[in-house]
Amino acid sequence: MPDTLSVVYGSWPSPATSSGGSEPGSNQEIKEFAAGYNVKFDMYSKICVNGDDAHPLWKWMKVQPKGRGMLGNAIKWNFTKFLIDKNGCVVKRYGPMEEPQVIEKDLPCYL
């Protein structure tokens, strides 16, 4: 079953090797691994989120005034999240350990 934020607000994870090497396999290997944990939500293909080869969206999100990290802009782990408002502005960056419910509480003022 997809998580609430994915269904209601259209958020999907992007596996990445540049965030601590936590997704070293191919896209198919990652999908098979996730299936072992009963993951049913959609995932994008693996991308680079740090360094010169980072995907342009991730580069952009990290340099926005409210997209900067507390200890530098590098993505430390795959579960770093960004809230983007209806105008396309990054309004908040969430650390890897913050639960989706925290984001859900912030959403109403940006809808």
PDB file of N, CA and C in Angstrom:
ATOM      1  N   MET A   1       0.843  -1.180   0.000  1.00  0.00           N
ATOM      2  CA  MET A   1       0.000   0.000   0.000  1.00  0.00           C
ATOM      3  C   MET A   1       0.889   1.244   0.000  1.00  0.00           C
ATOM      4  N   PRO A   2       0.670   2.172  -0.919  1.00  0.00           N
ATOM      5  CA  PRO A   2       1.493   3.388  -0.965  1.00  0.00           C
ATOM      6  C   PRO A   2       1.279   4.228   0.279  1.00  0.00           C
ATOM      7  N   ASP A   3       2.300   4.993   0.655  1.00  0.00           N
ATOM      8  CA  ASP A   3       2.116   5.847   1.812  1.00  0.00           C
ATOM      9  C   ASP A   3       1.198   7.011   1.462  1.00  0.00           C
ATOM     10  N   THR A   4       0.606   7.623   2.486  1.00  0.00           N
ATOM     11  CA  THR A   4      -0.390   8.676   2.314  1.00  0.00           C
ATOM     12  C   THR A   4       0.133   9.832   1.476  1.00  0.00           C
ATOM     13  N   LEU A   5       1.336  10.296   1.751  1.00  0.00           N
ATOM     14  CA  LEU A   5       1.857  11.446   1.014  1.00  0.00           C
ATOM     15  C   LEU A   5       2.021  11.140  -0.462  1.00  0.00           C
ATOM     16  N   SER A   6       2.423   9.913  -0.801  1.00  0.00           N
ATOM     17  CA  SER A   6       2.583   9.554  -2.208  1.00  0.00           C
ATOM     18  C   SER A   6       1.261   9.616  -2.940  1.00  0.00           C
ATOM     19  N   VAL A   7       0.219   9.110  -2.325  1.00  0.00           N
ATOM     20  CA  VAL A   7      -1.090   9.062  -2.974  1.00  0.00           C
ATOM     21  C   VAL A   7      -1.705  10.448  -3.071  1.00  0.00           C
ATOM     22  N   VAL A   8      -1.724  11.172  -1.957  1.00  0.00           N
ATOM     23  CA  VAL A   8      -2.420  12.447  -1.913  1.00  0.00           C
ATOM     24  C   VAL A   8      -1.623  13.581  -2.556  1.00  0.00           C
ATOM     25  N   TYR A   9      -0.324  13.589  -2.361  1.00  0.00           N
ATOM     26  CA  TYR A   9       0.458  14.743  -2.771  1.00  0.00           C
ATOM     27  C   TYR A   9       1.487  14.469  -3.864  1.00  0.00           C
ATOM     28  N   GLY A  10       1.582  13.239  -4.322  1.00  0.00           N
ATOM     29  CA  GLY A  10       2.470  12.940  -5.437  1.00  0.00           C
ATOM     30  C   GLY A  10       3.938  12.962  -5.108  1.00  0.00           C
ATOM     31  N   SER A  11       4.344  12.363  -4.007  1.00  0.00           N
ATOM     32  CA  SER A  11       5.769  12.275  -3.701  1.00  0.00           C
ATOM     33  C   SER A  11       6.238  10.845  -3.902  1.00  0.00           C
ATOM     34  N   TRP A  12       7.358  10.682  -4.594  1.00  0.00           N
ATOM     35  CA  TRP A  12       7.916   9.363  -4.827  1.00  0.00           C
ATOM     36  C   TRP A  12       9.411   9.416  -4.604  1.00  0.00           C
ATOM     37  N   PRO A  13       9.970   8.350  -4.086  1.00  0.00           N
ATOM     38  CA  PRO A  13      11.406   8.345  -3.810  1.00  0.00           C
ATOM     39  C   PRO A  13      12.258   8.167  -5.060  1.00  0.00           C
ATOM     40  N   SER A  14      13.459   8.706  -4.991  1.00  0.00           N
ATOM     41  CA  SER A  14      14.458   8.533  -6.038  1.00  0.00           C
ATOM     42  C   SER A  14      15.679   7.875  -5.416  1.00  0.00           C
ATOM     43  N   PRO A  15      15.890   6.583  -5.640  1.00  0.00           N
ATOM     44  CA  PRO A  15      17.097   5.946  -5.097  1.00  0.00           C
ATOM     45  C   PRO A  15      18.355   6.645  -5.616  1.00  0.00           C
ATOM     46  N   ALA A  16      19.371   6.728  -4.764  1.00  0.00           N
ATOM     47  CA  ALA A  16      20.600   7.424  -5.167  1.00  0.00           C
ATOM     48  C   ALA A  16      21.820   6.772  -4.533  1.00  0.00           C
ATOM     49  N   THR A  17      22.888   6.659  -5.296  1.00  0.00           N
ATOM     50  CA  THR A  17      24.121   6.110  -4.746  1.00  0.00           C
ATOM     51  C   THR A  17      24.975   7.185  -4.104  1.00  0.00           C
ATOM     52  N   SER A  18      24.740   8.430  -4.421  1.00  0.00           N
ATOM     53  CA  SER A  18      25.600   9.489  -3.906  1.00  0.00           C
ATOM     54  C   SER A  18      25.203   9.950  -2.518  1.00  0.00           C
ATOM     55  N   SER A  19      24.270   9.276  -1.888  1.00  0.00           N
ATOM     56  CA  SER A  19      23.900   9.630  -0.520  1.00  0.00           C
ATOM     57  C   SER A  19      24.284   8.479   0.402  1.00  0.00           C
ATOM     58  N   GLY A  20      25.561   8.303   0.578  1.00  0.00           N
ATOM     59  CA  GLY A  20      26.063   7.278   1.481  1.00  0.00           C
ATOM     60  C   GLY A  20      26.134   5.893   0.877  1.00  0.00           C
ATOM     61  N   GLY A  21      25.951   5.774  -0.430  1.00  0.00           N
ATOM     62  CA  GLY A  21      26.034   4.480  -1.089  1.00  0.00           C
ATOM     63  C   GLY A  21      24.941   3.515  -0.680  1.00  0.00           C
ATOM     64  N   SER A  22      23.790   4.059  -0.243  1.00  0.00           N
ATOM     65  CA  SER A  22      22.741   3.193   0.273  1.00  0.00           C
ATOM     66  C   SER A  22      21.946   2.468  -0.810  1.00  0.00           C
ATOM     67  N   GLU A  23      22.140   2.803  -2.058  1.00  0.00           N
ATOM     68  CA  GLU A  23      21.449   2.139  -3.166  1.00  0.00           C
ATOM     69  C   GLU A  23      22.464   1.728  -4.230  1.00  0.00           C
ATOM     70  N   PRO A  24      23.306   0.732  -3.937  1.00  0.00           N
ATOM     71  CA  PRO A  24      24.381   0.385  -4.868  1.00  0.00           C
ATOM     72  C   PRO A  24      23.937  -0.439  -6.079  1.00  0.00           C
ATOM     73  N   GLY A  25      22.778  -1.048  -6.064  1.00  0.00           N
ATOM     74  CA  GLY A  25      22.362  -1.943  -7.140  1.00  0.00           C
ATOM     75  C   GLY A  25      21.775  -1.230  -8.335  1.00  0.00           C
ATOM     76  N   SER A  26      21.409  -2.029  -9.330  1.00  0.00           N
ATOM     77  CA  SER A  26      20.718  -1.501 -10.514  1.00  0.00           C
ATOM     78  C   SER A  26      19.283  -1.160 -10.128  1.00  0.00           C
ATOM     79  N   ASN A  27      18.554  -0.485 -11.023  1.00  0.00           N
ATOM     80  CA  ASN A  27      17.153  -0.162 -10.754  1.00  0.00           C
ATOM     81  C   ASN A  27      16.352  -1.427 -10.460  1.00  0.00           C
ATOM     82  N   GLN A  28      16.574  -2.483 -11.233  1.00  0.00           N
ATOM     83  CA  GLN A  28      15.842  -3.729 -11.025  1.00  0.00           C
ATOM     84  C   GLN A  28      16.202  -4.360  -9.679  1.00  0.00           C
ATOM     85  N   GLU A  29      17.480  -4.333  -9.313  1.00  0.00           N
ATOM     86  CA  GLU A  29      17.899  -4.895  -8.024  1.00  0.00           C
ATOM     87  C   GLU A  29      17.285  -4.127  -6.852  1.00  0.00           C
ATOM     88  N   ILE A  30      17.211  -2.811  -6.994  1.00  0.00           N
ATOM     89  CA  ILE A  30      16.608  -1.985  -5.947  1.00  0.00           C
ATOM     90  C   ILE A  30      15.123  -2.309  -5.813  1.00  0.00           C
ATOM     91  N   LYS A  31      14.444  -2.444  -6.940  1.00  0.00           N
ATOM     92  CA  LYS A  31      13.019  -2.779  -6.927  1.00  0.00           C
ATOM     93  C   LYS A  31      12.780  -4.135  -6.262  1.00  0.00           C
ATOM     94  N   GLU A  32      13.615  -5.120  -6.586  1.00  0.00           N
ATOM     95  CA  GLU A  32      13.488  -6.449  -5.989  1.00  0.00           C
ATOM     96  C   GLU A  32      13.772  -6.407  -4.488  1.00  0.00           C
ATOM     97  N   PHE A  33      14.775  -5.650  -4.087  1.00  0.00           N
ATOM     98  CA  PHE A  33      15.095  -5.503  -2.672  1.00  0.00           C
ATOM     99  C   PHE A  33      13.917  -4.873  -1.927  1.00  0.00           C
ATOM    100  N   ALA A  34      13.364  -3.793  -2.480  1.00  0.00           N
ATOM    101  CA  ALA A  34      12.237  -3.100  -1.847  1.00  0.00           C
ATOM    102  C   ALA A  34      11.010  -4.005  -1.753  1.00  0.00           C
ATOM    103  N   ALA A  35      10.808  -4.841  -2.763  1.00  0.00           N
ATOM    104  CA  ALA A  35       9.664  -5.763  -2.751  1.00  0.00           C
ATOM    105  C   ALA A  35       9.752  -6.714  -1.566  1.00  0.00           C
ATOM    106  N   GLY A  36      10.952  -7.049  -1.134  1.00  0.00           N
ATOM    107  CA  GLY A  36      11.143  -7.899   0.031  1.00  0.00           C
ATOM    108  C   GLY A  36      10.638  -7.264   1.322  1.00  0.00           C
ATOM    109  N   TYR A  37      10.465  -5.958   1.300  1.00  0.00           N
ATOM    110  CA  TYR A  37       9.925  -5.228   2.448  1.00  0.00           C
ATOM    111  C   TYR A  37       8.485  -4.802   2.189  1.00  0.00           C
ATOM    112  N   ASN A  38       7.865  -5.423   1.182  1.00  0.00           N
ATOM    113  CA  ASN A  38       6.470  -5.170   0.823  1.00  0.00           C
ATOM    114  C   ASN A  38       6.232  -3.729   0.363  1.00  0.00           C
ATOM    115  N   VAL A  39       7.249  -3.114  -0.241  1.00  0.00           N
ATOM    116  CA  VAL A  39       7.109  -1.759  -0.776  1.00  0.00           C
ATOM    117  C   VAL A  39       6.263  -1.822  -2.034  1.00  0.00           C
ATOM    118  N   LYS A  40       5.213  -1.003  -2.069  1.00  0.00           N
ATOM    119  CA  LYS A  40       4.298  -1.012  -3.209  1.00  0.00           C
ATOM    120  C   LYS A  40       4.218   0.333  -3.928  1.00  0.00           C
ATOM    121  N   PHE A  41       4.855   1.379  -3.358  1.00  0.00           N
ATOM    122  CA  PHE A  41       4.782   2.692  -3.991  1.00  0.00           C
ATOM    123  C   PHE A  41       5.723   2.781  -5.186  1.00  0.00           C
ATOM    124  N   ASP A  42       5.435   3.711  -6.080  1.00  0.00           N
ATOM    125  CA  ASP A  42       6.274   3.929  -7.252  1.00  0.00           C
ATOM    126  C   ASP A  42       7.606   4.554  -6.832  1.00  0.00           C
ATOM    127  N   MET A  43       8.668   4.195  -7.559  1.00  0.00           N
ATOM    128  CA  MET A  43       9.976   4.804  -7.343  1.00  0.00           C
ATOM    129  C   MET A  43      10.522   5.248  -8.694  1.00  0.00           C
ATOM    130  N   TYR A  44      11.183   6.387  -8.696  1.00  0.00           N
ATOM    131  CA  TYR A  44      11.870   6.837  -9.895  1.00  0.00           C
ATOM    132  C   TYR A  44      13.129   5.998 -10.094  1.00  0.00           C
ATOM    133  N   SER A  45      13.725   6.109 -11.252  1.00  0.00           N
ATOM    134  CA  SER A  45      15.013   5.453 -11.494  1.00  0.00           C
ATOM    135  C   SER A  45      16.074   6.089 -10.608  1.00  0.00           C
ATOM    136  N   LYS A  46      17.124   5.335 -10.349  1.00  0.00           N
ATOM    137  CA  LYS A  46      18.219   5.810  -9.521  1.00  0.00           C
ATOM    138  C   LYS A  46      18.886   7.017 -10.184  1.00  0.00           C
ATOM    139  N   ILE A  47      19.191   8.010  -9.368  1.00  0.00           N
ATOM    140  CA  ILE A  47      19.842   9.218  -9.867  1.00  0.00           C
ATOM    141  C   ILE A  47      20.972   9.615  -8.931  1.00  0.00           C
ATOM    142  N   CYS A  48      21.771  10.546  -9.380  1.00  0.00           N
ATOM    143  CA  CYS A  48      22.825  11.134  -8.565  1.00  0.00           C
ATOM    144  C   CYS A  48      22.263  12.421  -7.947  1.00  0.00           C
ATOM    145  N   VAL A  49      22.435  12.590  -6.639  1.00  0.00           N
ATOM    146  CA  VAL A  49      21.887  13.771  -5.973  1.00  0.00           C
ATOM    147  C   VAL A  49      22.967  14.714  -5.431  1.00  0.00           C
ATOM    148  N   ASN A  50      24.220  14.316  -5.491  1.00  0.00           N
ATOM    149  CA  ASN A  50      25.332  15.143  -5.018  1.00  0.00           C
ATOM    150  C   ASN A  50      26.422  15.207  -6.083  1.00  0.00           C
ATOM    151  N   GLY A  51      27.234  16.250  -5.995  1.00  0.00           N
ATOM    152  CA  GLY A  51      28.389  16.375  -6.883  1.00  0.00           C
ATOM    153  C   GLY A  51      28.062  16.925  -8.258  1.00  0.00           C
ATOM    154  N   ASP A  52      29.071  16.919  -9.114  1.00  0.00           N
ATOM    155  CA  ASP A  52      28.931  17.479 -10.460  1.00  0.00           C
ATOM    156  C   ASP A  52      27.903  16.744 -11.306  1.00  0.00           C
ATOM    157  N   ASP A  53      27.719  15.455 -11.065  1.00  0.00           N
ATOM    158  CA  ASP A  53      26.784  14.654 -11.847  1.00  0.00           C
ATOM    159  C   ASP A  53      25.369  14.648 -11.279  1.00  0.00           C
ATOM    160  N   ALA A  54      25.110  15.436 -10.244  1.00  0.00           N
ATOM    161  CA  ALA A  54      23.782  15.456  -9.625  1.00  0.00           C
ATOM    162  C   ALA A  54      22.725  15.862 -10.643  1.00  0.00           C
ATOM    163  N   HIS A  55      21.547  15.276 -10.485  1.00  0.00           N
ATOM    164  CA  HIS A  55      20.411  15.618 -11.338  1.00  0.00           C
ATOM    165  C   HIS A  55      20.116  17.114 -11.162  1.00  0.00           C
ATOM    166  N   PRO A  56      19.786  17.834 -12.244  1.00  0.00           N
ATOM    167  CA  PRO A  56      19.546  19.282 -12.162  1.00  0.00           C
ATOM    168  C   PRO A  56      18.486  19.681 -11.133  1.00  0.00           C
ATOM    169  N   LEU A  57      17.437  18.884 -10.968  1.00  0.00           N
ATOM    170  CA  LEU A  57      16.410  19.221  -9.973  1.00  0.00           C
ATOM    171  C   LEU A  57      17.000  19.218  -8.568  1.00  0.00           C
ATOM    172  N   TRP A  58      17.800  18.220  -8.253  1.00  0.00           N
ATOM    173  CA  TRP A  58      18.408  18.150  -6.926  1.00  0.00           C
ATOM    174  C   TRP A  58      19.410  19.274  -6.724  1.00  0.00           C
ATOM    175  N   LYS A  59      20.184  19.603  -7.743  1.00  0.00           N
ATOM    176  CA  LYS A  59      21.114  20.731  -7.630  1.00  0.00           C
ATOM    177  C   LYS A  59      20.337  22.005  -7.299  1.00  0.00           C
ATOM    178  N   TRP A  60      19.246  22.218  -8.023  1.00  0.00           N
ATOM    179  CA  TRP A  60      18.429  23.421  -7.839  1.00  0.00           C
ATOM    180  C   TRP A  60      17.815  23.463  -6.441  1.00  0.00           C
ATOM    181  N   MET A  61      17.199  22.343  -6.006  1.00  0.00           N
ATOM    182  CA  MET A  61      16.538  22.330  -4.694  1.00  0.00           C
ATOM    183  C   MET A  61      17.514  22.650  -3.580  1.00  0.00           C
ATOM    184  N   LYS A  62      18.736  22.131  -3.670  1.00  0.00           N
ATOM    185  CA  LYS A  62      19.716  22.301  -2.600  1.00  0.00           C
ATOM    186  C   LYS A  62      20.261  23.720  -2.485  1.00  0.00           C
ATOM    187  N   VAL A  63      20.185  24.518  -3.532  1.00  0.00           N
ATOM    188  CA  VAL A  63      20.728  25.881  -3.457  1.00  0.00           C
ATOM    189  C   VAL A  63      19.661  26.943  -3.202  1.00  0.00           C
ATOM    190  N   GLN A  64      18.400  26.542  -3.150  1.00  0.00           N
ATOM    191  CA  GLN A  64      17.339  27.493  -2.838  1.00  0.00           C
ATOM    192  C   GLN A  64      17.469  27.926  -1.385  1.00  0.00           C
ATOM    193  N   PRO A  65      17.065  29.160  -1.069  1.00  0.00           N
ATOM    194  CA  PRO A  65      17.226  29.654   0.308  1.00  0.00           C
ATOM    195  C   PRO A  65      16.674  28.706   1.375  1.00  0.00           C
ATOM    196  N   LYS A  66      15.539  28.082   1.134  1.00  0.00           N
ATOM    197  CA  LYS A  66      14.962  27.184   2.129  1.00  0.00           C
ATOM    198  C   LYS A  66      15.261  25.717   1.818  1.00  0.00           C
ATOM    199  N   GLY A  67      16.146  25.476   0.871  1.00  0.00           N
ATOM    200  CA  GLY A  67      16.530  24.120   0.519  1.00  0.00           C
ATOM    201  C   GLY A  67      17.905  23.738   1.017  1.00  0.00           C
ATOM    202  N   ARG A  68      18.561  24.681   1.664  1.00  0.00           N
ATOM    203  CA  ARG A  68      19.915  24.417   2.152  1.00  0.00           C
ATOM    204  C   ARG A  68      19.878  23.557   3.403  1.00  0.00           C
ATOM    205  N   GLY A  69      20.873  22.699   3.528  1.00  0.00           N
ATOM    206  CA  GLY A  69      20.965  21.835   4.701  1.00  0.00           C
ATOM    207  C   GLY A  69      21.582  22.549   5.883  1.00  0.00           C
ATOM    208  N   MET A  70      21.378  21.980   7.058  1.00  0.00           N
ATOM    209  CA  MET A  70      21.933  22.581   8.282  1.00  0.00           C
ATOM    210  C   MET A  70      23.446  22.429   8.366  1.00  0.00           C
ATOM    211  N   LEU A  71      23.976  21.323   7.823  1.00  0.00           N
ATOM    212  CA  LEU A  71      25.412  21.057   7.889  1.00  0.00           C
ATOM    213  C   LEU A  71      25.996  20.962   6.488  1.00  0.00           C
ATOM    214  N   GLY A  72      25.605  21.865   5.626  1.00  0.00           N
ATOM    215  CA  GLY A  72      26.027  21.824   4.231  1.00  0.00           C
ATOM    216  C   GLY A  72      24.892  21.329   3.356  1.00  0.00           C
ATOM    217  N   ASN A  73      25.048  21.475   2.067  1.00  0.00           N
ATOM    218  CA  ASN A  73      23.949  21.163   1.154  1.00  0.00           C
ATOM    219  C   ASN A  73      23.917  19.732   0.652  1.00  0.00           C
ATOM    220  N   ALA A  74      24.942  18.956   0.919  1.00  0.00           N
ATOM    221  CA  ALA A  74      24.956  17.589   0.413  1.00  0.00           C
ATOM    222  C   ALA A  74      23.803  16.782   0.999  1.00  0.00           C
ATOM    223  N   ILE A  75      23.244  15.901   0.180  1.00  0.00           N
ATOM    224  CA  ILE A  75      22.221  14.977   0.645  1.00  0.00           C
ATOM    225  C   ILE A  75      22.958  13.866   1.386  1.00  0.00           C
ATOM    226  N   LYS A  76      22.639  13.709   2.653  1.00  0.00           N
ATOM    227  CA  LYS A  76      23.347  12.733   3.477  1.00  0.00           C
ATOM    228  C   LYS A  76      22.791  11.323   3.316  1.00  0.00           C
ATOM    229  N   TRP A  77      21.483  11.233   3.014  1.00  0.00           N
ATOM    230  CA  TRP A  77      20.826   9.936   2.934  1.00  0.00           C
ATOM    231  C   TRP A  77      19.598  10.065   2.043  1.00  0.00           C
ATOM    232  N   ASN A  78      19.188   8.971   1.434  1.00  0.00           N
ATOM    233  CA  ASN A  78      18.078   8.986   0.488  1.00  0.00           C
ATOM    234  C   ASN A  78      16.802   9.612   1.012  1.00  0.00           C
ATOM    235  N   PHE A  79      16.588   9.616   2.303  1.00  0.00           N
ATOM    236  CA  PHE A  79      15.308  10.055   2.830  1.00  0.00           C
ATOM    237  C   PHE A  79      15.234  11.545   3.123  1.00  0.00           C
ATOM    238  N   THR A  80      16.156  12.334   2.615  1.00  0.00           N
ATOM    239  CA  THR A  80      16.041  13.782   2.679  1.00  0.00           C
ATOM    240  C   THR A  80      14.863  14.167   1.792  1.00  0.00           C
ATOM    241  N   LYS A  81      14.028  15.093   2.285  1.00  0.00           N
ATOM    242  CA  LYS A  81      12.812  15.455   1.571  1.00  0.00           C
ATOM    243  C   LYS A  81      12.733  16.970   1.415  1.00  0.00           C
ATOM    244  N   PHE A  82      12.065  17.417   0.351  1.00  0.00           N
ATOM    245  CA  PHE A  82      11.848  18.832   0.103  1.00  0.00           C
ATOM    246  C   PHE A  82      10.362  19.080  -0.104  1.00  0.00           C
ATOM    247  N   LEU A  83       9.858  20.178   0.458  1.00  0.00           N
ATOM    248  CA  LEU A  83       8.483  20.601   0.225  1.00  0.00           C
ATOM    249  C   LEU A  83       8.533  21.761  -0.761  1.00  0.00           C
ATOM    250  N   ILE A  84       7.835  21.597  -1.870  1.00  0.00           N
ATOM    251  CA  ILE A  84       7.800  22.617  -2.920  1.00  0.00           C
ATOM    252  C   ILE A  84       6.362  23.097  -3.035  1.00  0.00           C
ATOM    253  N   ASP A  85       6.160  24.404  -2.995  1.00  0.00           N
ATOM    254  CA  ASP A  85       4.793  24.935  -3.034  1.00  0.00           C
ATOM    255  C   ASP A  85       4.223  24.961  -4.449  1.00  0.00           C
ATOM    256  N   LYS A  86       2.981  25.399  -4.566  1.00  0.00           N
ATOM    257  CA  LYS A  86       2.293  25.387  -5.866  1.00  0.00           C
ATOM    258  C   LYS A  86       2.916  26.345  -6.874  1.00  0.00           C
ATOM    259  N   ASN A  87       3.782  27.260  -6.417  1.00  0.00           N
ATOM    260  CA  ASN A  87       4.475  28.176  -7.322  1.00  0.00           C
ATOM    261  C   ASN A  87       5.848  27.655  -7.734  1.00  0.00           C
ATOM    262  N   GLY A  88       6.195  26.456  -7.256  1.00  0.00           N
ATOM    263  CA  GLY A  88       7.468  25.859  -7.617  1.00  0.00           C
ATOM    264  C   GLY A  88       8.634  26.303  -6.757  1.00  0.00           C
ATOM    265  N   CYS A  89       8.355  26.874  -5.583  1.00  0.00           N
ATOM    266  CA  CYS A  89       9.414  27.322  -4.690  1.00  0.00           C
ATOM    267  C   CYS A  89       9.650  26.291  -3.591  1.00  0.00           C
ATOM    268  N   VAL A  90      10.925  26.041  -3.294  1.00  0.00           N
ATOM    269  CA  VAL A  90      11.254  25.185  -2.155  1.00  0.00           C
ATOM    270  C   VAL A  90      10.906  25.977  -0.899  1.00  0.00           C
ATOM    271  N   VAL A  91      10.032  25.404  -0.053  1.00  0.00           N
ATOM    272  CA  VAL A  91       9.633  26.097   1.166  1.00  0.00           C
ATOM    273  C   VAL A  91      10.201  25.446   2.419  1.00  0.00           C
ATOM    274  N   LYS A  92      10.678  24.203   2.309  1.00  0.00           N
ATOM    275  CA  LYS A  92      11.282  23.564   3.473  1.00  0.00           C
ATOM    276  C   LYS A  92      12.043  22.315   3.053  1.00  0.00           C
ATOM    277  N   ARG A  93      13.115  22.057   3.767  1.00  0.00           N
ATOM    278  CA  ARG A  93      13.894  20.826   3.600  1.00  0.00           C
ATOM    279  C   ARG A  93      13.779  20.034   4.893  1.00  0.00           C
ATOM    280  N   TYR A  94      13.537  18.742   4.755  1.00  0.00           N
ATOM    281  CA  TYR A  94      13.362  17.859   5.903  1.00  0.00           C
ATOM    282  C   TYR A  94      14.503  16.853   5.948  1.00  0.00           C
ATOM    283  N   GLY A  95      14.987  16.592   7.124  1.00  0.00           N
ATOM    284  CA  GLY A  95      16.046  15.620   7.304  1.00  0.00           C
ATOM    285  C   GLY A  95      15.561  14.195   7.093  1.00  0.00           C
ATOM    286  N   PRO A  96      16.498  13.280   6.903  1.00  0.00           N
ATOM    287  CA  PRO A  96      16.162  11.883   6.627  1.00  0.00           C
ATOM    288  C   PRO A  96      15.308  11.215   7.700  1.00  0.00           C
ATOM    289  N   MET A  97      15.437  11.639   8.932  1.00  0.00           N
ATOM    290  CA  MET A  97      14.727  10.973  10.020  1.00  0.00           C
ATOM    291  C   MET A  97      13.336  11.551  10.278  1.00  0.00           C
ATOM    292  N   GLU A  98      12.989  12.654   9.609  1.00  0.00           N
ATOM    293  CA  GLU A  98      11.664  13.245   9.823  1.00  0.00           C
ATOM    294  C   GLU A  98      10.604  12.409   9.115  1.00  0.00           C
ATOM    295  N   GLU A  99       9.561  12.088   9.848  1.00  0.00           N
ATOM    296  CA  GLU A  99       8.481  11.248   9.344  1.00  0.00           C
ATOM    297  C   GLU A  99       7.588  12.023   8.374  1.00  0.00           C
ATOM    298  N   PRO A 100       6.960  11.333   7.422  1.00  0.00           N
ATOM    299  CA  PRO A 100       6.048  11.997   6.481  1.00  0.00           C
ATOM    300  C   PRO A 100       4.928  12.776   7.170  1.00  0.00           C
ATOM    301  N   GLN A 101       4.524  12.361   8.360  1.00  0.00           N
ATOM    302  CA  GLN A 101       3.458  13.070   9.075  1.00  0.00           C
ATOM    303  C   GLN A 101       3.864  14.503   9.419  1.00  0.00           C
ATOM    304  N   VAL A 102       5.162  14.734   9.613  1.00  0.00           N
ATOM    305  CA  VAL A 102       5.654  16.088   9.878  1.00  0.00           C
ATOM    306  C   VAL A 102       5.407  16.959   8.654  1.00  0.00           C
ATOM    307  N   ILE A 103       5.704  16.428   7.491  1.00  0.00           N
ATOM    308  CA  ILE A 103       5.476  17.168   6.241  1.00  0.00           C
ATOM    309  C   ILE A 103       3.987  17.410   6.052  1.00  0.00           C
ATOM    310  N   GLU A 104       3.193  16.394   6.308  1.00  0.00           N
ATOM    311  CA  GLU A 104       1.748  16.490   6.119  1.00  0.00           C
ATOM    312  C   GLU A 104       1.158  17.643   6.954  1.00  0.00           C
ATOM    313  N   LYS A 105       1.686  17.861   8.151  1.00  0.00           N
ATOM    314  CA  LYS A 105       1.206  18.963   9.000  1.00  0.00           C
ATOM    315  C   LYS A 105       1.559  20.323   8.402  1.00  0.00           C
ATOM    316  N   ASP A 106       2.664  20.397   7.663  1.00  0.00           N
ATOM    317  CA  ASP A 106       3.090  21.664   7.044  1.00  0.00           C
ATOM    318  C   ASP A 106       2.345  21.988   5.752  1.00  0.00           C
ATOM    319  N   LEU A 107       1.741  20.994   5.129  1.00  0.00           N
ATOM    320  CA  LEU A 107       1.143  21.164   3.804  1.00  0.00           C
ATOM    321  C   LEU A 107      -0.003  22.163   3.702  1.00  0.00           C
ATOM    322  N   PRO A 108      -0.960  22.190   4.617  1.00  0.00           N
ATOM    323  CA  PRO A 108      -2.141  23.046   4.419  1.00  0.00           C
ATOM    324  C   PRO A 108      -1.845  24.512   4.086  1.00  0.00           C
ATOM    325  N   CYS A 109      -0.811  25.091   4.679  1.00  0.00           N
ATOM    326  CA  CYS A 109      -0.533  26.504   4.406  1.00  0.00           C
ATOM    327  C   CYS A 109       0.064  26.739   3.014  1.00  0.00           C
ATOM    328  N   TYR A 110       0.431  25.650   2.305  1.00  0.00           N
ATOM    329  CA  TYR A 110       1.005  25.805   0.973  1.00  0.00           C
ATOM    330  C   TYR A 110       0.078  25.338  -0.146  1.00  0.00           C
ATOM    331  N   LEU A 111      -1.109  24.864   0.218  1.00  0.00           N
ATOM    332  CA  LEU A 111      -2.044  24.383  -0.805  1.00  0.00           C
ATOM    333  C   LEU A 111      -2.935  25.499  -1.294  1.00  0.00           C
TER     334      LEU A 111
END
